[in-house]
């Protein structure tokens, strides 16, 4: 019988010691030499430990059958500054080269291939695709879905081999933060994700707060990165202590920070605020749930949808539903229905924008095509934004045609911005159009 401690260790390491993820190379020089010799794309995955999105990539994306099949056509590098105790084989990536290799790769990456923050850090997770000669073809910072990573692989490979035959899955779509041709990640994307606070740091914050009876904004920003129950409970008490103000603006700022930075488990903190009496707080709660993208929040959002009467909140709840359950047939049907039948133009436009999340490409294309022909300029603008966010090149001729004929200032601005994005621009170019469309100050960034 296996001794209990050994059995426990085996159980804990089982996911990491499963079949290897991708076929990782041991050095940048080795990868570049192979890529140049064989005319292949280099796939570079930059990762860090103890952060939700990074762990998610390792646990799911690099083991996904579709990604493994595509990665068999590329030369692959894993970069991390963390040592996982793998002198011969790194356990974090299922038995790739030793940890010393990916630490050396990470140092080289910072010098040559990605933007570096003033403190020497880089954004992680981040995925970079290099041409056979080492030039950056495209990259995407922060977390992506498996479908978005599939899209990136195919787009990069076709830059080198235009005849590459591949039928994109229903879930495939362009990531909104796509950076093409090595354009630096824009400053407004913010700093890289921070590591969660240590137990000692949580202790220090809570001790300080006892003396002042109030946490500083900086301390709250650190606590919301923690999954410790005492951190969550402390923030919960702060949020319910009356400091949030009559219009809920400070509370809204807290919810926005949670949406941007907190682990998935914080969705249970956010969900009750869907019932707040202030529409501005309900909106921020819906946006935070959209950013956290936890499928378990679907039922809470549906319950809010059924009884909500504020049009702005309804639009944000609908977008959140698409974000947390992008493949759910009931959610997809609801988005389709509202994109065509919602009485309020702003809600119909919100439904169209929600379609950007959906993992059924044919449904999304259908919504875009119908909406581009709408008699409502808000809906035409929303469809142009979705076509651009998802880089749907086959809609380009229709967008070109409409841009020449459009008379509405809102729709024309959205169409022109969408065309610039389809020409290789960053999705940030769509932000003014979104603000014009929804008077939107709540950005859906996730770090």
Protein backbone atom coordinates (compact mmCIF):
# COMPACT_ATOMS: atom_id res chain seq x y z
CA UNK A 1 0.00 0.00 0.00
CA UNK A 2 1.35 3.44 -0.86
CA UNK A 3 2.18 5.47 2.27
CA UNK A 4 -0.36 8.27 2.82
CA UNK A 5 2.09 11.19 2.31
CA UNK A 6 3.33 9.70 -0.95
CA UNK A 7 -0.21 9.01 -2.14
CA UNK A 8 -1.16 12.59 -1.34
CA UNK A 9 1.87 13.93 -3.25
CA UNK A 10 1.01 11.78 -6.28
CA UNK A 11 -2.58 13.05 -6.18
CA UNK A 12 -1.46 16.66 -6.02
CA UNK A 13 0.99 16.26 -8.89
CA UNK A 14 -1.28 14.10 -11.08
CA UNK A 15 -2.43 16.94 -13.41
CA UNK A 16 1.13 18.18 -13.90
CA UNK A 17 2.55 14.68 -14.45
CA UNK A 18 -0.09 13.74 -17.02
CA UNK A 19 0.82 13.43 -20.69
CA UNK A 20 3.13 16.32 -21.68
CA UNK A 21 1.41 19.46 -22.83
CA UNK A 22 3.18 20.80 -25.90
CA UNK A 23 6.57 19.81 -27.29
CA UNK A 24 8.59 22.58 -25.66
CA UNK A 25 12.13 23.41 -26.82
CA UNK A 26 14.96 23.91 -24.34
CA UNK A 27 16.34 27.24 -25.61
CA UNK A 28 15.57 30.25 -27.76
CA UNK A 29 18.55 29.54 -30.02
CA UNK A 30 17.42 25.96 -30.59
CA UNK A 31 13.88 27.11 -31.42
CA UNK A 32 14.99 29.89 -33.79
CA UNK A 33 17.41 27.60 -35.62
CA UNK A 34 14.71 24.97 -36.14
CA UNK A 35 12.16 27.58 -37.21
CA UNK A 36 14.53 29.10 -39.76
CA UNK A 37 15.55 25.68 -41.12
CA UNK A 38 11.98 24.38 -41.49
CA UNK A 39 10.14 27.65 -42.19
CA UNK A 40 8.04 27.38 -39.06
CA UNK A 41 6.39 29.82 -36.68
CA UNK A 42 7.74 30.02 -33.12
CA UNK A 43 5.08 29.96 -30.40
CA UNK A 44 6.19 31.62 -27.17
CA UNK A 45 4.11 31.22 -23.98
CA UNK A 46 5.04 33.58 -21.14
CA UNK A 47 3.73 32.40 -17.78
CA UNK A 48 3.89 33.13 -14.06
CA UNK A 49 2.93 31.15 -10.96
CA UNK A 50 0.08 31.64 -8.50
CA UNK A 51 -2.12 33.74 -10.76
CA UNK A 52 -5.51 32.58 -12.01
CA UNK A 53 -5.17 33.22 -15.74
CA UNK A 54 -1.64 31.81 -15.89
CA UNK A 55 -2.61 28.65 -14.02
CA UNK A 56 -5.63 28.26 -16.29
CA UNK A 57 -3.42 28.32 -19.39
CA UNK A 58 -1.19 25.57 -18.02
CA UNK A 59 -4.04 23.40 -16.78
CA UNK A 60 -6.25 23.61 -19.87
CA UNK A 61 -4.97 25.45 -22.94
CA UNK A 62 -1.63 23.70 -23.45
CA UNK A 63 -3.35 20.34 -22.99
CA UNK A 64 -6.26 21.06 -25.31
CA UNK A 65 -6.37 18.65 -28.30
CA UNK A 66 -6.93 21.45 -30.83
CA UNK A 67 -4.03 23.52 -29.49
CA UNK A 68 -1.77 20.45 -29.36
CA UNK A 69 -2.56 19.71 -32.99
CA UNK A 70 -1.77 23.25 -34.08
CA UNK A 71 1.35 23.39 -31.92
CA UNK A 72 2.66 20.35 -33.76
CA UNK A 73 3.08 22.77 -36.70
CA UNK A 74 5.07 25.31 -34.65
CA UNK A 75 8.26 25.44 -32.58
CA UNK A 76 7.26 26.03 -28.98
CA UNK A 77 8.89 27.86 -26.07
CA UNK A 78 7.69 28.15 -22.47
CA UNK A 79 9.02 31.11 -20.45
CA UNK A 80 8.71 31.48 -16.69
CA UNK A 81 10.98 33.02 -14.08
CA UNK A 82 9.79 30.52 -11.46
CA UNK A 83 11.61 27.33 -10.49
CA UNK A 84 9.21 24.40 -10.01
CA UNK A 85 11.80 21.98 -8.71
CA UNK A 86 12.28 20.21 -12.02
CA UNK A 87 15.99 19.59 -12.42
CA UNK A 88 15.34 17.24 -15.35
CA UNK A 89 11.72 17.89 -16.35
CA UNK A 90 9.50 20.83 -15.37
CA UNK A 91 6.37 19.54 -13.58
CA UNK A 92 4.38 22.71 -14.34
CA UNK A 93 4.28 21.89 -18.04
CA UNK A 94 3.91 18.17 -17.71
CA UNK A 95 7.50 17.10 -18.21
CA UNK A 96 9.04 19.59 -20.63
CA UNK A 97 12.67 20.75 -20.39
CA UNK A 98 14.07 21.48 -16.91
CA UNK A 99 13.10 24.59 -15.03
CA UNK A 100 16.52 26.12 -15.67
CA UNK A 101 15.64 26.15 -19.37
CA UNK A 102 12.41 28.13 -19.07
CA UNK A 103 14.05 30.53 -16.61
CA UNK A 104 16.81 31.21 -19.17
CA UNK A 105 14.20 31.58 -21.91
CA UNK A 106 12.29 34.09 -19.77
CA UNK A 107 15.44 36.25 -19.34
CA UNK A 108 16.08 36.22 -23.09
CA UNK A 109 12.45 37.03 -23.86
CA UNK A 110 12.61 40.16 -21.72
CA UNK A 111 15.60 41.41 -23.70
CA UNK A 112 14.32 40.76 -27.21
CA UNK A 113 10.67 39.97 -27.80
CA UNK A 114 8.21 41.69 -25.45
CA UNK A 115 7.66 45.12 -23.90
CA UNK A 116 9.16 45.39 -20.41
CA UNK A 117 7.67 47.53 -17.63
CA UNK A 118 9.92 50.03 -15.79
CA UNK A 119 10.29 47.57 -12.91
CA UNK A 120 11.56 44.87 -15.27
CA UNK A 121 8.34 42.84 -15.26
CA UNK A 122 6.45 41.62 -18.31
CA UNK A 123 2.78 40.89 -18.81
CA UNK A 124 1.86 37.28 -18.09
CA UNK A 125 0.12 35.35 -19.40
CA UNK A 126 1.21 36.51 -22.83
CA UNK A 127 1.46 34.62 -26.09
CA UNK A 128 3.82 35.69 -28.85
CA UNK A 129 4.19 34.26 -32.35
CA UNK A 130 7.48 34.79 -34.18
CA UNK A 131 8.30 34.45 -37.88
CA UNK A 132 11.00 31.93 -38.87
CA UNK A 133 13.49 34.80 -38.82
CA UNK A 134 12.56 35.82 -35.27
CA UNK A 135 10.37 38.86 -36.04
CA UNK A 136 7.18 39.25 -33.99
CA UNK A 137 4.14 38.39 -36.12
CA UNK A 138 1.48 38.91 -33.48
CA UNK A 139 1.00 38.69 -29.76
CA UNK A 140 -1.77 38.86 -27.21
CA UNK A 141 -1.29 39.88 -23.56
CA UNK A 142 -3.40 38.68 -20.63
CA UNK A 143 -5.78 35.74 -20.63
CA UNK A 144 -7.39 34.27 -23.73
CA UNK A 145 -9.87 31.49 -24.31
CA UNK A 146 -8.89 28.28 -26.06
CA UNK A 147 -10.82 29.51 -29.11
CA UNK A 148 -8.89 32.78 -29.13
CA UNK A 149 -5.59 30.95 -28.88
CA UNK A 150 -6.65 28.68 -31.76
CA UNK A 151 -7.38 31.78 -33.87
CA UNK A 152 -3.92 33.19 -33.07
CA UNK A 153 -2.16 29.97 -34.06
CA UNK A 154 -3.99 29.82 -37.38
CA UNK A 155 -3.47 33.53 -38.14
CA UNK A 156 0.26 33.30 -37.38
CA UNK A 157 0.82 30.11 -39.36
CA UNK A 158 -1.02 31.58 -42.36
CA UNK A 159 1.25 34.64 -42.25
CA UNK A 160 4.09 32.22 -43.05
CA UNK A 161 2.14 29.60 -45.02
CA UNK A 162 -0.90 31.21 -46.71
CA UNK A 163 -2.03 27.80 -47.97
CA UNK A 164 -2.30 26.31 -44.48
CA UNK A 165 -5.59 24.40 -44.45
CA UNK A 166 -7.56 24.67 -41.24
CA UNK A 167 -11.26 25.02 -40.48
CA UNK A 168 -11.71 27.19 -37.43
CA UNK A 169 -13.85 25.72 -34.67
CA UNK A 170 -17.08 27.39 -33.57
CA UNK A 171 -15.26 28.73 -30.52
CA UNK A 172 -12.44 30.37 -32.50
CA UNK A 173 -12.33 34.16 -32.47
CA UNK A 174 -9.75 36.91 -32.44
CA UNK A 175 -8.75 38.18 -28.98
CA UNK A 176 -9.65 41.80 -28.40
CA UNK A 177 -6.13 42.63 -27.21
CA UNK A 178 -4.44 41.32 -30.34
CA UNK A 179 -1.17 43.12 -31.09
CA UNK A 180 -0.08 42.70 -34.70
CA UNK A 181 3.35 43.20 -36.26
CA UNK A 182 5.08 43.86 -32.97
CA UNK A 183 3.18 47.05 -32.08
CA UNK A 184 3.91 47.62 -28.36
CA UNK A 185 1.18 46.86 -25.86
CA UNK A 186 -0.52 50.22 -25.20
CA UNK A 187 0.15 51.90 -21.87
CA UNK A 188 -3.54 52.12 -20.95
CA UNK A 189 -3.72 48.35 -20.64
CA UNK A 190 -2.13 48.79 -17.23
CA UNK A 191 0.61 46.92 -15.40
CA UNK A 192 1.08 43.15 -15.47
CA UNK A 193 -0.93 41.06 -13.00
CA UNK A 194 0.45 41.11 -9.48
CA UNK A 195 1.04 38.03 -7.37
CA UNK A 196 -1.57 37.53 -4.63
CA UNK A 197 -0.59 38.93 -1.23
CA UNK A 198 1.20 36.54 1.08
CA UNK A 199 -0.30 35.50 4.43
CA UNK A 200 2.11 37.88 6.12
CA UNK A 201 1.01 40.74 3.88
CA UNK A 202 -2.66 40.03 4.63
CA UNK A 203 -1.81 39.98 8.35
CA UNK A 204 -0.13 43.37 8.07
CA UNK A 205 -3.02 44.95 6.15
CA UNK A 206 -5.65 43.68 8.59
CA UNK A 207 -3.57 44.82 11.58
CA UNK A 208 -3.17 48.31 10.12
CA UNK A 209 -6.88 48.51 9.38
CA UNK A 210 -7.82 47.61 12.97
CA UNK A 211 -6.03 50.71 14.17
CA UNK A 212 -7.71 53.06 11.68
CA UNK A 213 -11.06 51.20 11.31
CA UNK A 214 -10.76 51.76 7.59
CA UNK A 215 -8.60 50.22 4.88
CA UNK A 216 -6.85 52.39 2.34
CA UNK A 217 -7.65 52.01 -1.36
CA UNK A 218 -4.18 50.53 -1.91
CA UNK A 219 -4.75 47.93 0.80
CA UNK A 220 -8.14 46.98 -0.64
CA UNK A 221 -6.57 46.63 -4.07
CA UNK A 222 -4.12 44.11 -2.59
CA UNK A 223 -6.71 42.20 -0.56
CA UNK A 224 -8.98 41.59 -3.52
CA UNK A 225 -6.19 39.53 -5.10
CA UNK A 226 -6.32 37.11 -2.19
CA UNK A 227 -8.50 34.00 -1.91
CA UNK A 228 -8.18 33.89 1.86
CA UNK A 229 -11.59 33.94 3.55
CA UNK A 230 -10.49 36.52 6.09
CA UNK A 231 -9.49 38.90 3.29
CA UNK A 232 -12.84 38.42 1.54
CA UNK A 233 -14.79 38.88 4.78
CA UNK A 234 -12.86 42.03 5.66
CA UNK A 235 -13.60 43.57 2.27
CA UNK A 236 -17.24 42.50 2.60
CA UNK A 237 -17.54 44.34 5.94
CA UNK A 238 -15.90 47.41 4.43
CA UNK A 239 -18.37 47.37 1.56
CA UNK A 240 -21.38 47.11 3.91
CA UNK A 241 -20.21 49.66 6.48
CA UNK A 242 -21.80 52.66 4.81
CA UNK A 243 -18.68 54.12 3.24
CA UNK A 244 -19.97 53.54 -0.30
CA UNK A 245 -21.94 56.78 -0.52
CA UNK A 246 -25.43 57.51 -1.79
CA UNK A 247 -24.70 57.02 -5.47
CA UNK A 248 -22.49 53.99 -4.86
CA UNK A 249 -19.47 55.39 -6.69
CA UNK A 250 -16.74 54.15 -4.28
CA UNK A 251 -18.46 50.77 -4.15
CA UNK A 252 -18.59 50.76 -7.94
CA UNK A 253 -14.85 51.41 -8.04
CA UNK A 254 -14.27 48.45 -5.71
CA UNK A 255 -16.39 46.17 -7.90
CA UNK A 256 -14.48 47.34 -10.96
CA UNK A 257 -11.18 46.48 -9.27
CA UNK A 258 -12.50 43.03 -8.35
CA UNK A 259 -13.60 42.45 -11.93
CA UNK A 260 -10.17 43.42 -13.23
CA UNK A 261 -7.95 41.68 -10.71
CA UNK A 262 -9.60 39.18 -8.37
CA UNK A 263 -9.58 35.37 -8.50
CA UNK A 264 -12.70 33.63 -9.78
CA UNK A 265 -13.91 32.85 -6.26
CA UNK A 266 -14.80 36.52 -5.75
CA UNK A 267 -17.88 36.10 -7.91
CA UNK A 268 -19.80 35.13 -4.76
CA UNK A 269 -18.81 38.50 -3.26
CA UNK A 270 -19.99 40.38 -6.35
CA UNK A 271 -23.27 38.57 -7.15
CA UNK A 272 -25.33 39.96 -4.22
CA UNK A 273 -24.75 43.48 -5.52
CA UNK A 274 -26.95 42.60 -8.49
CA UNK A 275 -29.77 43.22 -6.01
CA UNK A 276 -28.56 46.66 -4.89
CA UNK A 277 -31.19 49.40 -5.03
CA UNK A 278 -28.86 51.66 -7.06
CA UNK A 279 -28.68 51.01 -10.81
CA UNK A 280 -25.04 52.19 -10.96
CA UNK A 281 -24.03 49.48 -8.47
CA UNK A 282 -26.04 46.79 -10.28
CA UNK A 283 -24.30 47.77 -13.51
CA UNK A 284 -20.85 47.55 -11.96
CA UNK A 285 -21.73 44.18 -10.45
CA UNK A 286 -22.81 42.86 -13.85
CA UNK A 287 -19.63 44.14 -15.48
CA UNK A 288 -17.47 42.57 -12.75
CA UNK A 289 -19.21 39.22 -13.25
CA UNK A 290 -18.62 39.52 -17.00
CA UNK A 291 -14.91 40.05 -16.31
CA UNK A 292 -14.64 37.21 -13.80
CA UNK A 293 -16.42 34.95 -16.33
CA UNK A 294 -17.49 32.25 -13.87
CA UNK A 295 -20.21 30.04 -15.30
CA UNK A 296 -21.75 29.48 -11.87
CA UNK A 297 -22.89 33.12 -11.89
CA UNK A 298 -25.20 32.42 -14.83
CA UNK A 299 -28.25 31.67 -12.66
CA UNK A 300 -27.82 34.90 -10.66
CA UNK A 301 -27.58 36.93 -13.84
CA UNK A 302 -30.61 35.25 -15.36
CA UNK A 303 -32.60 35.99 -12.21
CA UNK A 304 -31.57 39.65 -12.44
CA UNK A 305 -32.44 39.73 -16.15
CA UNK A 306 -36.00 38.51 -15.49
CA UNK A 307 -36.83 41.27 -13.02
CA UNK A 308 -34.62 44.16 -14.12
CA UNK A 309 -36.42 47.22 -15.50
CA UNK A 310 -33.48 49.61 -15.98
CA UNK A 311 -32.43 49.47 -19.63
CA UNK A 312 -28.76 50.17 -18.92
CA UNK A 313 -28.56 47.42 -16.32
CA UNK A 314 -30.38 45.00 -18.63
CA UNK A 315 -27.80 45.62 -21.33
CA UNK A 316 -24.90 44.99 -18.95
CA UNK A 317 -26.54 41.85 -17.55
CA UNK A 318 -27.02 40.52 -21.08
CA UNK A 319 -23.37 41.17 -21.93
CA UNK A 320 -22.34 39.48 -18.68
CA UNK A 321 -24.45 36.42 -19.47
CA UNK A 322 -22.69 36.03 -22.81
CA UNK A 323 -19.34 36.44 -21.06
CA UNK A 324 -19.92 33.82 -18.36
CA UNK A 325 -21.76 31.28 -20.52
CA UNK A 326 -20.60 31.82 -24.14
CA UNK A 327 -21.55 28.32 -25.30
CA UNK A 328 -24.84 27.98 -23.40
CA UNK A 329 -27.66 27.48 -25.91
CA UNK A 330 -30.23 29.37 -23.83
CA UNK A 331 -27.91 32.34 -23.49
CA UNK A 332 -27.10 32.29 -27.19
CA UNK A 333 -30.82 32.19 -28.02
CA UNK A 334 -31.49 35.12 -25.67
CA UNK A 335 -28.73 37.21 -27.25
CA UNK A 336 -30.07 36.41 -30.74
CA UNK A 337 -33.62 37.29 -29.73
CA UNK A 338 -32.71 40.59 -28.08
CA UNK A 339 -30.45 41.61 -30.98
CA UNK A 340 -33.52 41.53 -33.23
CA UNK A 341 -36.52 42.19 -31.00
CA UNK A 342 -35.51 44.38 -28.05
CA UNK A 343 -37.67 47.51 -28.10
CA UNK A 344 -35.01 49.90 -26.87
CA UNK A 345 -32.26 50.65 -29.43
CA UNK A 346 -29.61 50.70 -26.68
CA UNK A 347 -30.60 47.24 -25.45
CA UNK A 348 -30.62 45.86 -28.98
CA UNK A 349 -27.14 47.31 -29.48
CA UNK A 350 -25.99 45.78 -26.18
CA UNK A 351 -27.24 42.38 -27.35
CA UNK A 352 -25.23 42.71 -30.55
CA UNK A 353 -22.09 43.65 -28.60
CA UNK A 354 -22.73 40.70 -26.27
CA UNK A 355 -22.44 38.43 -29.29
CA UNK A 356 -18.69 39.14 -29.37
CA UNK A 357 -18.36 36.66 -26.49
CA UNK A 358 -20.31 33.80 -28.06
CA UNK A 359 -18.54 30.60 -29.02
CA UNK A 360 -20.68 29.84 -32.06
CA UNK A 361 -19.13 31.70 -34.96
CA UNK A 362 -22.00 31.12 -37.39
CA UNK A 363 -24.47 32.59 -34.93
CA UNK A 364 -22.24 35.63 -34.43
CA UNK A 365 -21.82 36.14 -38.16
CA UNK A 366 -25.59 35.90 -38.59
CA UNK A 367 -26.19 38.53 -35.90
CA UNK A 368 -23.59 40.83 -37.48
CA UNK A 369 -24.99 40.49 -41.00
CA UNK A 370 -28.56 41.18 -39.89
CA UNK A 371 -27.53 44.04 -37.65
CA UNK A 372 -25.43 45.76 -40.30
CA UNK A 373 -28.65 46.00 -42.30
CA UNK A 374 -30.66 47.43 -39.39
CA UNK A 375 -32.45 50.75 -39.69
CA UNK A 376 -31.09 51.68 -36.24
CA UNK A 377 -27.66 53.38 -36.36
CA UNK A 378 -26.83 52.15 -32.84
CA UNK A 379 -27.28 48.56 -33.99
CA UNK A 380 -25.19 49.07 -37.12
CA UNK A 381 -22.44 50.58 -34.96
CA UNK A 382 -22.58 47.64 -32.55
CA UNK A 383 -22.29 45.14 -35.39
CA UNK A 384 -19.24 46.92 -36.79
CA UNK A 385 -17.61 46.78 -33.36
CA UNK A 386 -18.22 43.03 -33.05
CA UNK A 387 -16.88 42.36 -36.55
CA UNK A 388 -13.71 44.24 -35.62
CA UNK A 389 -13.22 42.73 -32.16
CA UNK A 390 -13.46 39.24 -33.63
CA UNK A 391 -11.41 40.16 -36.74
CA UNK A 392 -14.10 38.74 -39.05
CA UNK A 393 -12.39 39.50 -42.35
CA UNK A 394 -15.25 38.13 -44.45
CA UNK A 395 -17.43 41.02 -43.26
CA UNK A 396 -14.88 43.54 -44.50
CA UNK A 397 -16.54 44.18 -47.92
CA UNK A 398 -19.84 44.96 -46.21
CA UNK A 399 -18.17 47.34 -43.77
CA UNK A 400 -16.37 49.12 -46.63
CA UNK A 401 -19.67 49.55 -48.44
CA UNK A 402 -21.52 50.87 -45.41
CA UNK A 403 -18.72 53.26 -44.40
CA UNK A 404 -19.12 55.08 -47.72
CA UNK A 405 -22.90 55.38 -47.37
CA UNK A 406 -23.38 55.88 -43.63
CA UNK A 407 -25.01 59.17 -42.59
CA UNK A 408 -25.19 58.63 -38.83
CA UNK A 409 -22.18 60.07 -37.01
CA UNK A 410 -22.26 57.32 -34.36
CA UNK A 411 -22.41 54.49 -36.89
CA UNK A 412 -19.87 56.09 -39.22
CA UNK A 413 -17.33 56.51 -36.41
CA UNK A 414 -17.80 52.87 -35.42
CA UNK A 415 -17.45 51.66 -39.00
CA UNK A 416 -14.28 53.67 -39.61
CA UNK A 417 -12.74 52.47 -36.33
CA UNK A 418 -13.69 48.88 -37.18
CA UNK A 419 -11.96 49.12 -40.54
CA UNK A 420 -8.78 50.39 -38.88
CA UNK A 421 -8.85 47.43 -36.50
CA UNK A 422 -9.39 45.00 -39.38
CA UNK A 423 -6.36 46.59 -41.04
CA UNK A 424 -4.28 45.45 -38.08
CA UNK A 425 -5.04 48.08 -35.47
CA UNK A 426 -5.47 47.38 -31.76
CA UNK A 427 -9.02 46.91 -30.47
CA UNK A 428 -8.51 49.94 -28.21
CA UNK A 429 -9.37 51.99 -31.31
CA UNK A 430 -12.98 50.92 -30.71
CA UNK A 431 -13.21 52.49 -27.27
CA UNK A 432 -14.46 55.91 -28.45
CA UNK A 433 -17.16 54.18 -30.48
CA UNK A 434 -18.23 52.15 -27.44
CA UNK A 435 -18.36 55.28 -25.31
CA UNK A 436 -20.48 57.06 -27.92
CA UNK A 437 -22.77 54.07 -28.21
CA UNK A 438 -23.41 53.37 -24.53
CA UNK A 439 -22.04 56.47 -22.81
CA UNK A 440 -19.75 53.80 -21.42
CA UNK A 441 -17.17 54.53 -18.78
CA UNK A 442 -17.07 50.95 -17.52
CA UNK A 443 -14.30 49.23 -19.47
CA UNK A 444 -14.21 45.45 -19.58
CA UNK A 445 -10.48 45.01 -19.05
CA UNK A 446 -9.23 41.92 -17.24
CA UNK A 447 -5.62 41.74 -15.98
